[in-house]
Protein backbone atom coordinates (compact mmCIF):
# COMPACT_ATOMS: atom_id res chain seq x y z
CA MET A 1 -50.97 32.32 -1.37
CA ALA A 2 -49.66 29.64 0.78
CA ILE A 3 -48.49 27.61 -1.86
CA ASP A 4 -46.41 30.39 -3.50
CA THR A 5 -44.93 31.17 0.00
CA GLN A 6 -44.00 27.36 0.26
CA ARG A 7 -42.53 27.68 -3.30
CA ARG A 8 -40.34 30.49 -2.44
CA ASP A 9 -39.27 28.90 0.61
CA VAL A 10 -38.12 25.73 -1.14
CA GLY A 11 -36.54 27.72 -4.02
CA ALA A 12 -34.62 29.50 -1.21
CA ALA A 13 -33.50 26.43 0.54
CA ILE A 14 -32.40 25.01 -2.58
CA ARG A 15 -30.20 28.01 -3.49
CA ALA A 16 -28.83 27.96 -0.01
CA ALA A 17 -28.15 24.21 -0.41
CA LEU A 18 -26.37 24.98 -3.77
CA LYS A 19 -24.40 28.00 -2.99
CA PRO A 20 -20.64 27.29 -2.96
CA ARG A 21 -19.21 27.15 0.50
CA PRO A 22 -15.45 27.62 1.61
CA GLN A 23 -13.48 24.36 1.91
CA PRO A 24 -12.50 23.62 5.25
CA LYS A 25 -8.79 23.82 5.90
CA PRO A 26 -6.88 20.61 6.09
CA ALA A 27 -5.27 19.59 9.36
CA GLY A 28 -1.97 21.10 10.07
CA THR A 29 0.99 19.07 10.26
CA VAL A 30 1.51 18.98 14.08
CA SER A 31 -2.34 18.05 14.55
CA ALA A 32 -2.13 15.32 11.82
CA VAL A 33 0.52 13.66 13.67
CA LEU A 34 -0.73 13.78 17.08
CA THR A 35 -4.12 12.45 15.92
CA PHE A 36 -2.51 9.67 14.18
CA GLY A 37 -0.57 9.15 17.48
CA TRP A 38 -3.69 9.09 19.56
CA ARG A 39 -4.89 6.22 16.88
CA ALA A 40 -2.02 4.32 17.67
CA LEU A 41 -2.44 4.36 21.68
CA LEU A 42 -6.48 3.84 20.84
CA LYS A 43 -5.27 0.33 19.17
CA ILE A 44 -3.69 -0.58 22.43
CA LYS A 45 -6.84 -0.04 24.40
CA HIS A 46 -8.73 -2.19 22.27
CA MET A 47 -6.00 -4.57 21.80
CA PRO A 48 -4.48 -4.57 25.26
CA GLU A 49 -2.57 -7.79 24.54
CA GLN A 50 -0.15 -5.48 22.46
CA LEU A 51 1.51 -4.31 25.76
CA PHE A 52 2.14 -8.28 26.63
CA ASP A 53 5.84 -7.82 25.62
CA VAL A 54 6.22 -4.31 27.06
CA VAL A 55 5.01 -5.65 30.71
CA VAL A 56 5.83 -9.04 30.88
CA THR A 57 9.17 -9.33 29.37
CA PRO A 58 11.03 -6.51 31.37
CA ILE A 59 9.63 -8.02 34.81
CA MET A 60 10.80 -11.61 33.53
CA PHE A 61 14.26 -10.42 32.55
CA THR A 62 14.81 -8.40 35.58
CA VAL A 63 13.58 -10.77 38.19
CA LEU A 64 15.16 -13.95 36.45
CA PHE A 65 18.66 -12.70 35.81
CA THR A 66 18.90 -10.79 39.33
CA TYR A 67 18.29 -13.85 41.18
CA LEU A 68 19.41 -16.75 38.77
CA PHE A 69 22.74 -15.11 38.23
CA GLY A 70 23.34 -12.38 40.65
CA GLY A 71 25.13 -14.30 43.20
CA ALA A 72 27.51 -15.93 40.42
CA LEU A 73 28.28 -12.84 38.38
CA ALA A 74 28.48 -10.15 41.34
CA GLY A 75 28.62 -11.92 44.55
CA SER A 76 25.17 -10.98 45.70
CA THR A 77 21.77 -10.29 43.87
CA ASP A 78 21.60 -6.56 45.36
CA ALA A 79 25.04 -5.74 43.89
CA TYR A 80 24.07 -7.25 40.47
CA LEU A 81 20.58 -5.56 40.31
CA GLN A 82 22.42 -2.13 40.66
CA TYR A 83 24.58 -3.29 37.56
CA LEU A 84 21.88 -4.81 35.54
CA LEU A 85 18.71 -2.48 35.78
CA PRO A 86 20.08 -0.02 33.43
CA GLY A 87 20.97 -2.59 31.01
CA ILE A 88 17.56 -4.30 31.20
CA LEU A 89 15.99 -0.70 30.75
CA VAL A 90 17.91 -0.52 27.43
CA GLN A 91 17.22 -4.01 26.31
CA SER A 92 13.34 -3.52 26.92
CA VAL A 93 13.29 -0.26 25.12
CA VAL A 94 15.25 -1.51 22.29
CA PHE A 95 13.24 -4.64 21.85
CA THR A 96 10.22 -2.40 21.78
CA SER A 97 11.15 -0.21 18.74
CA VAL A 98 10.68 -3.11 16.48
CA TYR A 99 6.97 -2.56 17.11
CA SER A 100 6.95 0.60 14.85
CA GLY A 101 7.65 -1.21 11.71
CA LEU A 102 5.19 -4.41 12.97
CA THR A 103 2.48 -1.83 13.27
CA LEU A 104 3.05 -0.06 9.93
CA ASN A 105 3.36 -3.34 7.91
CA THR A 106 0.16 -4.51 9.39
CA ASP A 107 -1.89 -1.45 8.56
CA ILE A 108 -0.38 -1.63 5.05
CA SER A 109 -1.48 -5.28 4.43
CA LYS A 110 -4.95 -4.39 5.63
CA GLY A 111 -5.14 -1.54 3.05
CA ILE A 112 -5.74 1.05 5.80
CA TYR A 113 -2.66 3.24 4.60
CA ASP A 114 -4.00 3.43 1.15
CA ARG A 115 -7.08 5.31 2.55
CA PHE A 116 -4.75 7.64 4.75
CA ARG A 117 -3.11 8.50 1.40
CA SER A 118 -6.29 9.88 0.05
CA MET A 119 -7.01 12.06 2.73
CA PRO A 120 -6.30 15.87 2.75
CA VAL A 121 -3.40 15.52 5.43
CA TRP A 122 0.37 15.67 5.27
CA SER A 123 1.42 12.23 3.60
CA LEU A 124 3.74 11.24 6.33
CA SER A 125 1.76 12.10 9.17
CA PRO A 126 0.50 8.26 9.52
CA VAL A 127 3.97 6.97 9.63
CA LEU A 128 5.27 9.56 11.82
CA GLY A 129 2.07 9.43 14.08
CA THR A 130 2.68 5.96 14.58
CA MET A 131 6.10 6.44 15.61
CA ALA A 132 5.07 9.24 17.93
CA GLY A 133 2.50 6.94 19.63
CA ASP A 134 5.42 4.37 20.01
CA VAL A 135 7.31 6.79 22.34
CA VAL A 136 4.41 5.96 24.67
CA ARG A 137 5.34 2.52 24.52
CA TYR A 138 9.06 3.11 25.50
CA THR A 139 8.05 5.16 28.18
CA VAL A 140 5.78 2.55 29.70
CA SER A 141 8.35 -0.09 29.25
CA SER A 142 11.05 2.18 31.17
CA LEU A 143 8.41 2.91 34.03
CA ILE A 144 7.82 -0.77 34.60
CA VAL A 145 11.42 -1.72 34.85
CA PHE A 146 11.93 1.16 37.16
CA ALA A 147 9.08 -0.12 39.28
CA ILE A 148 9.80 -3.60 39.62
CA GLY A 149 13.55 -2.57 40.23
CA PHE A 150 12.71 -0.35 43.11
CA LEU A 151 10.70 -3.11 44.60
CA MET A 152 13.56 -5.47 44.48
CA GLY A 153 15.75 -2.77 46.00
CA TYR A 154 17.37 -0.85 43.45
CA GLU A 155 18.55 2.64 43.94
CA ALA A 156 19.02 5.43 41.80
CA ALA A 157 22.02 7.88 43.03
CA THR A 158 20.84 10.63 41.07
CA GLY A 159 17.34 10.52 42.11
CA ILE A 160 14.23 11.52 40.03
CA LEU A 161 16.34 13.65 37.85
CA GLY A 162 18.39 11.03 36.83
CA ILE A 163 15.66 8.70 35.90
CA VAL A 164 13.63 11.26 33.64
CA ALA A 165 17.01 11.93 32.00
CA VAL A 166 17.27 8.26 31.34
CA ILE A 167 13.62 7.78 30.28
CA LEU A 168 14.24 10.78 27.72
CA LEU A 169 17.69 9.39 26.37
CA LEU A 170 16.03 5.68 25.70
CA ASP A 171 13.17 7.38 23.83
CA LEU A 172 15.18 9.34 21.72
CA PHE A 173 17.36 6.42 21.06
CA ALA A 174 14.56 3.93 20.19
CA ALA A 175 12.71 6.53 18.21
CA GLY A 176 15.88 6.68 15.87
CA LEU A 177 16.52 3.02 15.76
CA SER A 178 12.75 2.58 14.84
CA PHE A 179 13.57 3.76 11.30
CA ILE A 180 15.32 0.64 10.70
CA PHE A 181 12.19 -1.25 11.49
CA THR A 182 9.85 1.07 9.48
CA THR A 183 11.90 0.61 6.23
CA LEU A 184 11.99 -3.11 6.60
CA ALA A 185 7.95 -2.85 7.00
CA LEU A 186 7.87 -1.18 3.75
CA LEU A 187 10.01 -3.64 1.89
CA VAL A 188 8.65 -6.91 3.31
CA ARG A 189 5.03 -8.19 2.73
CA THR A 190 4.11 -9.64 6.22
CA PRO A 191 4.22 -8.75 9.82
CA SER A 192 5.98 -11.81 10.87
CA THR A 193 8.77 -11.23 8.25
CA VAL A 194 9.30 -7.74 9.97
CA MET A 195 9.27 -9.39 13.51
CA THR A 196 11.75 -12.02 12.32
CA LEU A 197 14.38 -9.51 10.88
CA GLY A 198 14.05 -7.52 13.45
CA TRP A 199 15.25 -9.98 15.99
CA MET A 200 18.01 -10.64 13.94
CA VAL A 201 19.10 -7.09 14.22
CA LEU A 202 18.52 -6.75 17.76
CA MET A 203 19.40 -9.99 19.44
CA PRO A 204 23.41 -9.55 18.36
CA LEU A 205 23.08 -5.96 19.33
CA THR A 206 21.67 -6.76 22.91
CA PHE A 207 23.50 -9.60 23.75
CA ALA A 208 27.14 -8.55 22.45
CA SER A 209 26.92 -5.88 25.00
CA ASN A 210 27.44 -5.04 28.44
CA VAL A 211 24.08 -5.52 29.34
CA PHE A 212 24.33 -8.45 31.47
CA VAL A 213 27.92 -8.85 32.18
CA ASP A 214 31.33 -6.52 32.26
CA PRO A 215 33.13 -6.55 29.03
CA ALA A 216 36.37 -7.22 30.96
CA THR A 217 35.40 -10.79 31.14
CA MET A 218 35.12 -11.28 27.41
CA PRO A 219 37.84 -12.20 24.90
CA ALA A 220 39.69 -8.92 23.39
CA TRP A 221 38.01 -9.61 19.97
CA LEU A 222 34.50 -9.36 21.53
CA GLN A 223 35.59 -6.54 23.87
CA THR A 224 36.23 -4.56 20.51
CA VAL A 225 32.90 -5.36 19.18
CA VAL A 226 31.17 -4.40 22.60
CA ALA A 227 33.08 -1.02 22.63
CA TRP A 228 31.62 0.06 19.23
CA ASN A 229 28.09 -1.39 20.08
CA PRO A 230 25.64 1.21 20.02
CA VAL A 231 23.60 -0.75 22.52
CA ALA A 232 26.73 -0.89 24.74
CA LEU A 233 27.37 2.83 24.60
CA LEU A 234 23.75 3.61 25.44
CA VAL A 235 23.98 1.30 28.64
CA THR A 236 27.08 2.94 29.62
CA ALA A 237 25.47 6.35 29.59
CA ALA A 238 22.09 5.03 31.16
CA ARG A 239 24.23 3.62 34.07
CA GLY A 240 26.31 7.08 34.36
CA LEU A 241 23.01 9.04 34.55
CA LEU A 242 21.53 6.85 37.34
CA ASP A 243 24.58 6.37 39.36
CA GLY A 244 26.15 9.79 39.16
CA THR A 245 29.15 9.12 36.98
CA GLY A 246 27.65 10.17 33.78
CA SER A 247 28.87 13.28 31.52
CA ALA A 248 27.64 14.84 28.46
CA ALA A 249 30.29 13.20 26.29
CA LEU A 250 28.87 9.79 27.24
CA VAL A 251 25.29 10.91 26.42
CA ALA A 252 26.29 12.46 23.24
CA GLY A 253 28.22 9.48 22.07
CA SER A 254 25.26 7.22 22.84
CA LEU A 255 23.11 9.25 20.39
CA VAL A 256 25.58 9.01 17.31
CA ALA A 257 23.89 5.86 16.30
CA PRO A 258 20.16 6.89 16.32
CA LEU A 259 21.14 10.09 14.56
CA VAL A 260 22.89 8.31 11.83
CA VAL A 261 20.05 5.68 11.44
CA THR A 262 17.64 8.71 11.12
CA ALA A 263 19.79 10.38 8.68
CA VAL A 264 20.28 7.13 6.53
CA PHE A 265 16.82 5.42 6.92
CA GLY A 266 14.51 8.15 7.67
CA PRO A 267 14.47 9.37 4.13
CA VAL A 268 14.38 5.80 2.83
CA THR A 269 11.29 5.22 4.77
CA MET A 270 9.68 8.30 3.66
CA ALA A 271 10.51 7.72 -0.10
CA LEU A 272 9.15 4.03 0.16
CA TYR A 273 6.06 5.09 1.84
CA ARG A 274 5.32 7.97 -0.90
CA ARG A 275 6.04 5.36 -3.64
CA GLU A 276 2.88 3.59 -5.53
CA ARG A 277 2.16 0.15 -3.81
């Protein structure tokens, strides 16, 4: 009798185990993107040296340029800091945008993204999640520049609203610009190549601008270059938002370049990512 009962129990357990079960629903698009964004932040937690450039470079540029060149270029370090800090904000965030491509290429070279493509999630969520996580990098970089600037005596005429507006503007610009580097990441083989080519794009954009000096002191041909430089337009908009001279036209003009980059390089990034590697 006991044996028959045990057999019936075992049979019931087997039938229950073999009974078809409904498949779990795949993660939603937003949920998947946020999950991969959180993964990007966790990588920083386990490798804090990734924040070295985000933390050290803005401090170094702000302090060195203010105290080395402030007296010569603006007559005093205080006056030059008011001019320089918005430019350093832009420079720091623009430099940080290359990490989207660097991180993507590193993961691809390790085969991690091949595994991601086999998962039941939206195929592009790993790429967009990484870029979403990088927005935190941009924000941290901006906050560090503001912090060191305030310690050195910088004053934002528009207060906290201007600061928040500038941070949002910089995040949007960098997010759009990063599509250039994600495209590079999918075309080249090594992270070091992404970094090298990225600097070849960023250095001319940054230094041939109004980040450090007034373009009025430059040759006429260079003034024309600066006038059309997207980074210079962004610096002008950032200065306006912080000193109260900004306008909707300046902000809109500074966002034209990242919108164009997104429209051109965004689909290219997605197509390259979907192809068989």
